[in-house]
Amino acid sequence: MALRIRQNRARERRESRMIFASSCVESAARKRNVSTSEMYQRMKRVGLIEGFILKCYDGLHTQSREHVTEDVLGALDIWEAKKAGQL
């Protein structure tokens, strides 16, 4: 029984993180006037979802949507510039 409870909690945590990541993609896409698909592909290309949004979930999810969106877009700009060798 205890194992099932721990498994359910772990699944709920994963689901919460994925919902949060999805909302980050949607908010960033809306702010930049691009499709969610395009924004997702850009973030995926540089590893932003796993490497920033999910990795920093504990701190990010306590902030306002506007603040998170600005942080995510700022990180995206920097990560894309680094990948392109511009930084």
N, C-alpha and C. Protein backbone atom coordinates (compact mmCIF):
# COMPACT_ATOMS: atom_id res chain seq x y z
N MET A 1 0.82 -1.20 0.00
CA MET A 1 0.00 0.00 0.00
C MET A 1 0.86 1.26 0.00
N ALA A 2 1.89 1.30 0.83
CA ALA A 2 2.77 2.46 0.90
C ALA A 2 3.49 2.68 -0.42
N LEU A 3 3.88 1.61 -1.07
CA LEU A 3 4.54 1.73 -2.37
C LEU A 3 3.61 2.36 -3.39
N ARG A 4 2.36 1.96 -3.40
CA ARG A 4 1.39 2.52 -4.34
C ARG A 4 1.19 4.02 -4.09
N ILE A 5 1.17 4.42 -2.84
CA ILE A 5 1.02 5.84 -2.49
C ILE A 5 2.22 6.62 -3.00
N ARG A 6 3.42 6.10 -2.78
CA ARG A 6 4.64 6.79 -3.26
C ARG A 6 4.64 6.87 -4.79
N GLN A 7 4.21 5.81 -5.44
CA GLN A 7 4.16 5.82 -6.90
C GLN A 7 3.15 6.84 -7.41
N ASN A 8 2.02 6.94 -6.76
CA ASN A 8 1.01 7.93 -7.15
C ASN A 8 1.52 9.35 -6.95
N ARG A 9 2.19 9.58 -5.86
CA ARG A 9 2.75 10.92 -5.60
C ARG A 9 3.81 11.28 -6.63
N ALA A 10 4.65 10.32 -6.97
CA ALA A 10 5.69 10.57 -7.97
C ALA A 10 5.05 10.87 -9.33
N ARG A 11 4.01 10.12 -9.68
CA ARG A 11 3.31 10.37 -10.94
C ARG A 11 2.67 11.75 -10.93
N GLU A 12 2.07 12.14 -9.83
CA GLU A 12 1.45 13.47 -9.72
C GLU A 12 2.49 14.57 -9.84
N ARG A 13 3.68 14.37 -9.25
CA ARG A 13 4.75 15.37 -9.38
C ARG A 13 5.19 15.50 -10.83
N ARG A 14 5.36 14.38 -11.53
CA ARG A 14 5.76 14.41 -12.94
C ARG A 14 4.69 15.11 -13.77
N GLU A 15 3.44 14.79 -13.52
CA GLU A 15 2.35 15.42 -14.26
C GLU A 15 2.32 16.93 -14.02
N SER A 16 2.50 17.35 -12.77
CA SER A 16 2.51 18.79 -12.45
C SER A 16 3.64 19.50 -13.18
N ARG A 17 4.80 18.88 -13.22
CA ARG A 17 5.94 19.47 -13.91
C ARG A 17 5.69 19.58 -15.42
N MET A 18 5.08 18.55 -15.99
CA MET A 18 4.82 18.59 -17.43
C MET A 18 3.74 19.61 -17.77
N ILE A 19 2.75 19.75 -16.93
CA ILE A 19 1.73 20.78 -17.13
C ILE A 19 2.37 22.16 -17.05
N PHE A 20 3.26 22.33 -16.09
CA PHE A 20 3.96 23.61 -15.95
C PHE A 20 4.81 23.89 -17.19
N ALA A 21 5.55 22.89 -17.66
CA ALA A 21 6.39 23.07 -18.85
C ALA A 21 5.53 23.43 -20.06
N SER A 22 4.40 22.78 -20.19
CA SER A 22 3.49 23.07 -21.29
C SER A 22 2.99 24.51 -21.21
N SER A 23 2.66 24.97 -20.02
CA SER A 23 2.19 26.36 -19.89
C SER A 23 3.31 27.34 -20.20
N CYS A 24 4.55 26.96 -19.90
CA CYS A 24 5.69 27.83 -20.24
C CYS A 24 5.83 27.95 -21.76
N VAL A 25 5.71 26.84 -22.46
CA VAL A 25 5.79 26.85 -23.92
C VAL A 25 4.68 27.73 -24.49
N GLU A 26 3.47 27.53 -24.00
CA GLU A 26 2.32 28.30 -24.50
C GLU A 26 2.48 29.80 -24.23
N SER A 27 2.90 30.15 -23.03
CA SER A 27 3.06 31.57 -22.69
C SER A 27 4.16 32.23 -23.50
N ALA A 28 5.26 31.51 -23.68
CA ALA A 28 6.37 32.05 -24.46
C ALA A 28 5.97 32.22 -25.93
N ALA A 29 5.23 31.26 -26.45
CA ALA A 29 4.77 31.35 -27.84
C ALA A 29 3.85 32.55 -28.01
N ARG A 30 2.94 32.72 -27.09
CA ARG A 30 2.01 33.84 -27.16
C ARG A 30 2.76 35.18 -27.10
N LYS A 31 3.75 35.26 -26.21
CA LYS A 31 4.52 36.51 -26.04
C LYS A 31 5.31 36.85 -27.31
N ARG A 32 5.82 35.82 -28.00
CA ARG A 32 6.62 36.03 -29.21
C ARG A 32 5.79 35.97 -30.49
N ASN A 33 4.50 35.76 -30.37
CA ASN A 33 3.62 35.69 -31.54
C ASN A 33 4.02 34.58 -32.51
N VAL A 34 4.32 33.40 -31.98
CA VAL A 34 4.63 32.24 -32.80
C VAL A 34 3.74 31.09 -32.34
N SER A 35 3.67 30.05 -33.13
CA SER A 35 2.86 28.89 -32.75
C SER A 35 3.52 28.15 -31.58
N THR A 36 2.69 27.42 -30.84
CA THR A 36 3.25 26.63 -29.75
C THR A 36 4.19 25.55 -30.30
N SER A 37 3.88 25.04 -31.47
CA SER A 37 4.73 24.03 -32.09
C SER A 37 6.11 24.59 -32.39
N GLU A 38 6.15 25.80 -32.96
CA GLU A 38 7.45 26.42 -33.25
C GLU A 38 8.23 26.69 -31.97
N MET A 39 7.55 27.20 -30.94
CA MET A 39 8.23 27.48 -29.68
C MET A 39 8.75 26.19 -29.05
N TYR A 40 7.94 25.15 -29.07
CA TYR A 40 8.37 23.86 -28.52
C TYR A 40 9.62 23.37 -29.25
N GLN A 41 9.63 23.45 -30.57
CA GLN A 41 10.78 22.98 -31.35
C GLN A 41 12.04 23.79 -31.02
N ARG A 42 11.89 25.10 -30.87
CA ARG A 42 13.04 25.93 -30.51
C ARG A 42 13.59 25.55 -29.14
N MET A 43 12.69 25.36 -28.19
CA MET A 43 13.13 24.99 -26.83
C MET A 43 13.75 23.60 -26.83
N LYS A 44 13.15 22.68 -27.55
CA LYS A 44 13.67 21.32 -27.63
C LYS A 44 15.07 21.30 -28.26
N ARG A 45 15.25 22.09 -29.30
CA ARG A 45 16.52 22.12 -30.03
C ARG A 45 17.70 22.48 -29.12
N VAL A 46 17.47 23.36 -28.15
CA VAL A 46 18.55 23.77 -27.26
C VAL A 46 18.48 23.11 -25.88
N GLY A 47 17.50 22.24 -25.67
CA GLY A 47 17.39 21.52 -24.40
C GLY A 47 16.83 22.34 -23.26
N LEU A 48 16.07 23.38 -23.58
CA LEU A 48 15.58 24.30 -22.56
C LEU A 48 14.53 23.69 -21.64
N ILE A 49 13.70 22.82 -22.17
CA ILE A 49 12.63 22.26 -21.34
C ILE A 49 13.22 21.41 -20.22
N GLU A 50 14.07 20.48 -20.56
CA GLU A 50 14.70 19.64 -19.53
C GLU A 50 15.75 20.41 -18.74
N GLY A 51 16.58 21.18 -19.44
CA GLY A 51 17.73 21.82 -18.82
C GLY A 51 17.45 23.08 -18.04
N PHE A 52 16.30 23.69 -18.24
CA PHE A 52 15.98 24.92 -17.52
C PHE A 52 14.60 24.84 -16.87
N ILE A 53 13.56 24.64 -17.65
CA ILE A 53 12.20 24.69 -17.11
C ILE A 53 11.98 23.60 -16.06
N LEU A 54 12.27 22.35 -16.42
CA LEU A 54 12.05 21.26 -15.46
C LEU A 54 13.11 21.25 -14.37
N LYS A 55 14.33 21.56 -14.74
CA LYS A 55 15.42 21.57 -13.75
C LYS A 55 15.19 22.65 -12.69
N CYS A 56 14.65 23.77 -13.08
CA CYS A 56 14.43 24.90 -12.16
C CYS A 56 12.97 25.02 -11.72
N TYR A 57 12.22 23.96 -11.89
CA TYR A 57 10.79 23.96 -11.58
C TYR A 57 10.49 24.48 -10.17
N ASP A 58 11.23 24.00 -9.18
CA ASP A 58 10.93 24.37 -7.80
C ASP A 58 10.95 25.87 -7.59
N GLY A 59 11.87 26.57 -8.22
CA GLY A 59 11.93 28.02 -8.09
C GLY A 59 10.99 28.73 -9.04
N LEU A 60 10.92 28.24 -10.26
CA LEU A 60 10.11 28.92 -11.27
C LEU A 60 8.62 28.89 -10.98
N HIS A 61 8.11 27.74 -10.53
CA HIS A 61 6.65 27.62 -10.41
C HIS A 61 6.07 28.47 -9.28
N THR A 62 6.93 29.07 -8.47
CA THR A 62 6.43 29.95 -7.41
C THR A 62 6.30 31.39 -7.88
N GLN A 63 6.77 31.68 -9.09
CA GLN A 63 6.77 33.04 -9.62
C GLN A 63 5.52 33.30 -10.45
N SER A 64 5.28 34.56 -10.76
CA SER A 64 4.14 34.92 -11.60
C SER A 64 4.38 34.41 -13.02
N ARG A 65 3.29 34.21 -13.75
CA ARG A 65 3.39 33.75 -15.13
C ARG A 65 4.23 34.72 -15.96
N GLU A 66 4.03 36.01 -15.76
CA GLU A 66 4.78 37.01 -16.52
C GLU A 66 6.28 36.90 -16.25
N HIS A 67 6.63 36.74 -14.98
CA HIS A 67 8.04 36.63 -14.61
C HIS A 67 8.65 35.36 -15.20
N VAL A 68 7.93 34.25 -15.09
CA VAL A 68 8.42 32.98 -15.64
C VAL A 68 8.60 33.10 -17.14
N THR A 69 7.64 33.70 -17.82
CA THR A 69 7.71 33.84 -19.27
C THR A 69 8.94 34.66 -19.66
N GLU A 70 9.18 35.75 -18.96
CA GLU A 70 10.37 36.57 -19.25
C GLU A 70 11.65 35.78 -18.99
N ASP A 71 11.70 35.03 -17.90
CA ASP A 71 12.89 34.22 -17.60
C ASP A 71 13.12 33.16 -18.66
N VAL A 72 12.05 32.49 -19.06
CA VAL A 72 12.16 31.43 -20.07
C VAL A 72 12.61 32.00 -21.40
N LEU A 73 12.03 33.12 -21.81
CA LEU A 73 12.42 33.73 -23.09
C LEU A 73 13.85 34.27 -23.04
N GLY A 74 14.24 34.83 -21.92
CA GLY A 74 15.63 35.28 -21.77
C GLY A 74 16.60 34.13 -21.88
N ALA A 75 16.27 33.02 -21.20
CA ALA A 75 17.13 31.84 -21.27
C ALA A 75 17.15 31.29 -22.69
N LEU A 76 16.00 31.26 -23.36
CA LEU A 76 15.94 30.76 -24.73
C LEU A 76 16.85 31.58 -25.65
N ASP A 77 16.78 32.89 -25.53
CA ASP A 77 17.63 33.75 -26.37
C ASP A 77 19.12 33.45 -26.14
N ILE A 78 19.49 33.31 -24.88
CA ILE A 78 20.90 33.04 -24.55
C ILE A 78 21.32 31.65 -25.04
N TRP A 79 20.49 30.65 -24.80
CA TRP A 79 20.82 29.28 -25.19
C TRP A 79 20.90 29.14 -26.70
N GLU A 80 20.01 29.83 -27.42
CA GLU A 80 20.07 29.77 -28.88
C GLU A 80 21.32 30.48 -29.39
N ALA A 81 21.68 31.61 -28.79
CA ALA A 81 22.88 32.33 -29.20
C ALA A 81 24.13 31.47 -28.93
N LYS A 82 24.16 30.80 -27.80
CA LYS A 82 25.30 29.93 -27.48
C LYS A 82 25.40 28.79 -28.50
N LYS A 83 24.27 28.20 -28.81
CA LYS A 83 24.27 27.09 -29.77
C LYS A 83 24.73 27.56 -31.15
N ALA A 84 24.41 28.80 -31.49
CA ALA A 84 24.81 29.35 -32.78
C ALA A 84 26.25 29.89 -32.75
N GLY A 85 26.89 29.80 -31.59
CA GLY A 85 28.27 30.27 -31.46
C GLY A 85 28.40 31.78 -31.38
N GLN A 86 27.31 32.44 -31.02
CA GLN A 86 27.33 33.90 -30.93
C GLN A 86 27.71 34.40 -29.53
N LEU A 87 27.83 33.50 -28.58
CA LEU A 87 28.25 33.90 -27.22
C LEU A 87 29.44 33.09 -26.79
